[in-house]
């Protein structure tokens, strides 16, 4: 399962960096997305139309990662800090994604994201820092 888990975490990170391209490739036909902004639950068609054109995240850090597998279904849960060039502060969130092994291809069945508030006054600011910027990618919106 070790190589399978590494592949899934790599897929999950690609989700953040590839934007709409990831969804075209990996989102299952009956998938559900639960993201608090601008709406709550979306099906595959709404998720794809809402992601185009998508502004990709330029850097992400996944941490507090956990994996649960039942048969051909795997749940990834984690926390993320993600940066975009347009925003001064990074997104901090708690996430969970469910994948299905569909004859060797991993399809994402669901994704949930809960944005976390940074409580600077209480000293709960994450020590994660923005990684070095990758080379610019053509086609990023």
C-alpha atoms as a PDB file:
ATOM      1  CA  UNK A   1       0.000   0.000   0.000  1.00  0.00           C
ATOM      2  CA  UNK A   2       2.991   2.315   0.500  1.00  0.00           C
ATOM      3  CA  UNK A   3       3.445   3.137  -3.220  1.00  0.00           C
ATOM      4  CA  UNK A   4      -0.330   3.487  -3.623  1.00  0.00           C
ATOM      5  CA  UNK A   5      -0.430   6.015  -0.786  1.00  0.00           C
ATOM      6  CA  UNK A   6       2.484   8.000  -2.244  1.00  0.00           C
ATOM      7  CA  UNK A   7       0.698   8.094  -5.616  1.00  0.00           C
ATOM      8  CA  UNK A   8      -2.505   9.334  -3.997  1.00  0.00           C
ATOM      9  CA  UNK A   9      -0.727  12.096  -2.065  1.00  0.00           C
ATOM     10  CA  UNK A  10       0.998  13.158  -5.293  1.00  0.00           C
ATOM     11  CA  UNK A  11      -2.421  13.258  -7.011  1.00  0.00           C
ATOM     12  CA  UNK A  12      -3.873  15.299  -4.181  1.00  0.00           C
ATOM     13  CA  UNK A  13      -1.065  17.841  -4.413  1.00  0.00           C
ATOM     14  CA  UNK A  14      -1.518  18.012  -8.214  1.00  0.00           C
ATOM     15  CA  UNK A  15      -5.146  18.954  -7.539  1.00  0.00           C
ATOM     16  CA  UNK A  16      -3.986  22.140  -5.867  1.00  0.00           C
ATOM     17  CA  UNK A  17      -1.397  22.969  -8.534  1.00  0.00           C
ATOM     18  CA  UNK A  18      -3.185  21.884 -11.733  1.00  0.00           C
ATOM     19  CA  UNK A  19      -6.600  23.433 -11.102  1.00  0.00           C
ATOM     20  CA  UNK A  20      -9.244  22.623 -13.695  1.00  0.00           C
ATOM     21  CA  UNK A  21      -6.964  20.233 -15.615  1.00  0.00           C
ATOM     22  CA  UNK A  22      -6.913  17.922 -12.587  1.00  0.00           C
ATOM     23  CA  UNK A  23     -10.696  17.866 -12.403  1.00  0.00           C
ATOM     24  CA  UNK A  24     -11.040  16.976 -16.074  1.00  0.00           C
ATOM     25  CA  UNK A  25      -8.719  13.984 -15.578  1.00  0.00           C
ATOM     26  CA  UNK A  26      -9.505  12.727 -12.084  1.00  0.00           C
ATOM     27  CA  UNK A  27     -13.021  13.712 -11.026  1.00  0.00           C
ATOM     28  CA  UNK A  28     -15.450  10.791 -11.076  1.00  0.00           C
ATOM     29  CA  UNK A  29     -18.698  11.221 -13.068  1.00  0.00           C
ATOM     30  CA  UNK A  30     -20.817  11.243  -9.892  1.00  0.00           C
ATOM     31  CA  UNK A  31     -18.346  13.177  -7.711  1.00  0.00           C
ATOM     32  CA  UNK A  32     -19.275  15.750  -5.070  1.00  0.00           C
ATOM     33  CA  UNK A  33     -17.332  18.824  -3.965  1.00  0.00           C
ATOM     34  CA  UNK A  34     -18.023  20.535  -0.634  1.00  0.00           C
ATOM     35  CA  UNK A  35     -16.195  23.855  -0.560  1.00  0.00           C
ATOM     36  CA  UNK A  36     -17.570  26.707   1.512  1.00  0.00           C
ATOM     37  CA  UNK A  37     -16.976  29.513  -0.992  1.00  0.00           C
ATOM     38  CA  UNK A  38     -18.958  30.565  -2.975  1.00  0.00           C
ATOM     39  CA  UNK A  39     -21.428  27.731  -2.436  1.00  0.00           C
ATOM     40  CA  UNK A  40     -21.636  24.475  -0.583  1.00  0.00           C
ATOM     41  CA  UNK A  41     -22.046  21.151  -2.426  1.00  0.00           C
ATOM     42  CA  UNK A  42     -21.420  20.852  -6.168  1.00  0.00           C
ATOM     43  CA  UNK A  43     -21.654  17.942  -8.556  1.00  0.00           C
ATOM     44  CA  UNK A  44     -19.010  17.225 -11.226  1.00  0.00           C
ATOM     45  CA  UNK A  45     -20.505  19.535 -13.877  1.00  0.00           C
ATOM     46  CA  UNK A  46     -20.838  22.461 -11.451  1.00  0.00           C
ATOM     47  CA  UNK A  47     -17.349  21.850 -10.075  1.00  0.00           C
ATOM     48  CA  UNK A  48     -15.843  21.851 -13.571  1.00  0.00           C
ATOM     49  CA  UNK A  49     -17.688  24.975 -14.681  1.00  0.00           C
ATOM     50  CA  UNK A  50     -16.762  26.725 -11.456  1.00  0.00           C
ATOM     51  CA  UNK A  51     -13.076  25.898 -11.922  1.00  0.00           C
ATOM     52  CA  UNK A  52     -12.723  27.276 -15.473  1.00  0.00           C
ATOM     53  CA  UNK A  53     -10.737  29.352 -15.802  1.00  0.00           C
ATOM     54  CA  UNK A  54      -9.077  28.371 -12.533  1.00  0.00           C
ATOM     55  CA  UNK A  55      -6.323  30.328 -10.908  1.00  0.00           C
ATOM     56  CA  UNK A  56      -3.870  27.661  -9.846  1.00  0.00           C
ATOM     57  CA  UNK A  57      -2.210  27.721  -6.480  1.00  0.00           C
ATOM     58  CA  UNK A  58       1.467  28.529  -6.876  1.00  0.00           C
ATOM     59  CA  UNK A  59       2.647  26.594  -3.807  1.00  0.00           C
ATOM     60  CA  UNK A  60       1.075  24.227  -1.292  1.00  0.00           C
ATOM     61  CA  UNK A  61       2.150  22.448   1.864  1.00  0.00           C
ATOM     62  CA  UNK A  62       0.182  19.422   3.083  1.00  0.00           C
ATOM     63  CA  UNK A  63       0.630  18.343   6.698  1.00  0.00           C
ATOM     64  CA  UNK A  64      -1.096  16.327   9.461  1.00  0.00           C
ATOM     65  CA  UNK A  65      -1.762  13.761   6.748  1.00  0.00           C
ATOM     66  CA  UNK A  66      -3.888  10.670   7.434  1.00  0.00           C
ATOM     67  CA  UNK A  67      -4.955   7.754   5.218  1.00  0.00           C
ATOM     68  CA  UNK A  68      -7.896   5.366   5.671  1.00  0.00           C
ATOM     69  CA  UNK A  69      -8.488   2.543   3.186  1.00  0.00           C
ATOM     70  CA  UNK A  70     -11.504   0.267   2.842  1.00  0.00           C
ATOM     71  CA  UNK A  71     -11.300  -2.036  -0.154  1.00  0.00           C
ATOM     72  CA  UNK A  72     -10.854   0.049  -3.298  1.00  0.00           C
ATOM     73  CA  UNK A  73     -11.758   3.311  -1.559  1.00  0.00           C
ATOM     74  CA  UNK A  74      -9.192   5.557   0.147  1.00  0.00           C
ATOM     75  CA  UNK A  75      -9.816   8.640   2.277  1.00  0.00           C
ATOM     76  CA  UNK A  76      -7.046  11.241   2.542  1.00  0.00           C
ATOM     77  CA  UNK A  77      -7.407  13.828   5.291  1.00  0.00           C
ATOM     78  CA  UNK A  78      -4.959  16.640   5.936  1.00  0.00           C
ATOM     79  CA  UNK A  79      -4.345  20.303   6.600  1.00  0.00           C
ATOM     80  CA  UNK A  80      -3.101  22.590   3.872  1.00  0.00           C
ATOM     81  CA  UNK A  81      -1.452  25.970   3.547  1.00  0.00           C
ATOM     82  CA  UNK A  82      -1.743  27.216  -0.052  1.00  0.00           C
ATOM     83  CA  UNK A  83      -0.467  30.402  -1.713  1.00  0.00           C
ATOM     84  CA  UNK A  84      -1.638  32.316  -4.782  1.00  0.00           C
ATOM     85  CA  UNK A  85       0.249  35.216  -6.314  1.00  0.00           C
ATOM     86  CA  UNK A  86      -2.841  37.404  -6.025  1.00  0.00           C
ATOM     87  CA  UNK A  87      -3.260  37.061  -2.261  1.00  0.00           C
ATOM     88  CA  UNK A  88      -1.131  38.389   0.563  1.00  0.00           C
ATOM     89  CA  UNK A  89      -2.246  35.737   3.065  1.00  0.00           C
ATOM     90  CA  UNK A  90      -2.273  32.004   2.333  1.00  0.00           C
ATOM     91  CA  UNK A  91      -5.341  29.796   2.517  1.00  0.00           C
ATOM     92  CA  UNK A  92      -5.275  27.553   5.581  1.00  0.00           C
ATOM     93  CA  UNK A  93      -7.757  24.710   5.564  1.00  0.00           C
ATOM     94  CA  UNK A  94      -8.654  21.250   6.762  1.00  0.00           C
ATOM     95  CA  UNK A  95      -9.430  18.907   3.848  1.00  0.00           C
ATOM     96  CA  UNK A  96     -10.609  15.400   3.046  1.00  0.00           C
ATOM     97  CA  UNK A  97     -10.661  13.690  -0.348  1.00  0.00           C
ATOM     98  CA  UNK A  98     -12.049  10.273  -1.213  1.00  0.00           C
ATOM     99  CA  UNK A  99     -10.586   8.287  -4.112  1.00  0.00           C
ATOM    100  CA  UNK A 100     -11.758   5.092  -5.827  1.00  0.00           C
ATOM    101  CA  UNK A 101      -9.425   2.686  -7.604  1.00  0.00           C
ATOM    102  CA  UNK A 102     -11.256   2.223 -10.923  1.00  0.00           C
ATOM    103  CA  UNK A 103      -9.242  -0.549 -12.609  1.00  0.00           C
ATOM    104  CA  UNK A 104      -5.902   1.104 -11.845  1.00  0.00           C
ATOM    105  CA  UNK A 105      -7.041   4.720 -12.333  1.00  0.00           C
ATOM    106  CA  UNK A 106      -7.681   6.788  -9.230  1.00  0.00           C
ATOM    107  CA  UNK A 107     -10.882   8.805  -9.477  1.00  0.00           C
ATOM    108  CA  UNK A 108     -11.789  11.422  -6.909  1.00  0.00           C
ATOM    109  CA  UNK A 109     -15.270  10.795  -5.535  1.00  0.00           C
ATOM    110  CA  UNK A 110     -15.439  13.707  -3.141  1.00  0.00           C
ATOM    111  CA  UNK A 111     -13.533  16.612  -1.663  1.00  0.00           C
ATOM    112  CA  UNK A 112     -14.358  18.687   1.391  1.00  0.00           C
ATOM    113  CA  UNK A 113     -12.547  21.822   2.517  1.00  0.00           C
ATOM    114  CA  UNK A 114     -13.057  23.836   5.671  1.00  0.00           C
ATOM    115  CA  UNK A 115     -11.152  27.108   5.819  1.00  0.00           C
ATOM    116  CA  UNK A 116      -9.345  27.667   9.103  1.00  0.00           C
ATOM    117  CA  UNK A 117      -9.052  31.027  10.774  1.00  0.00           C
ATOM    118  CA  UNK A 118      -5.605  32.047  11.969  1.00  0.00           C
ATOM    119  CA  UNK A 119      -5.735  33.091  15.580  1.00  0.00           C
ATOM    120  CA  UNK A 120      -2.676  35.318  15.792  1.00  0.00           C
ATOM    121  CA  UNK A 121      -3.714  36.810  19.139  1.00  0.00           C
ATOM    122  CA  UNK A 122      -3.557  33.367  20.719  1.00  0.00           C
ATOM    123  CA  UNK A 123      -0.219  32.468  19.132  1.00  0.00           C
ATOM    124  CA  UNK A 124      -1.625  29.800  16.814  1.00  0.00           C
ATOM    125  CA  UNK A 125       0.049  31.034  13.644  1.00  0.00           C
ATOM    126  CA  UNK A 126       1.489  28.213  11.562  1.00  0.00           C
ATOM    127  CA  UNK A 127       5.244  28.189  11.114  1.00  0.00           C
ATOM    128  CA  UNK A 128       4.932  26.985   7.529  1.00  0.00           C
ATOM    129  CA  UNK A 129       6.486  29.409   5.094  1.00  0.00           C
ATOM    130  CA  UNK A 130       5.962  29.950   1.390  1.00  0.00           C
ATOM    131  CA  UNK A 131       8.223  27.574  -0.575  1.00  0.00           C
ATOM    132  CA  UNK A 132      10.469  28.933  -3.296  1.00  0.00           C
ATOM    133  CA  UNK A 133       8.382  29.899  -6.309  1.00  0.00           C
ATOM    134  CA  UNK A 134       8.319  27.321  -9.110  1.00  0.00           C
ATOM    135  CA  UNK A 135       8.983  28.383 -12.660  1.00  0.00           C
ATOM    136  CA  UNK A 136       6.027  30.225 -14.243  1.00  0.00           C
ATOM    137  CA  UNK A 137       3.484  27.984 -15.966  1.00  0.00           C
ATOM    138  CA  UNK A 138       1.874  29.007 -19.194  1.00  0.00           C
ATOM    139  CA  UNK A 139      -1.890  29.041 -19.256  1.00  0.00           C
ATOM    140  CA  UNK A 140      -2.423  29.903 -15.617  1.00  0.00           C
ATOM    141  CA  UNK A 141      -5.375  32.234 -15.232  1.00  0.00           C
END
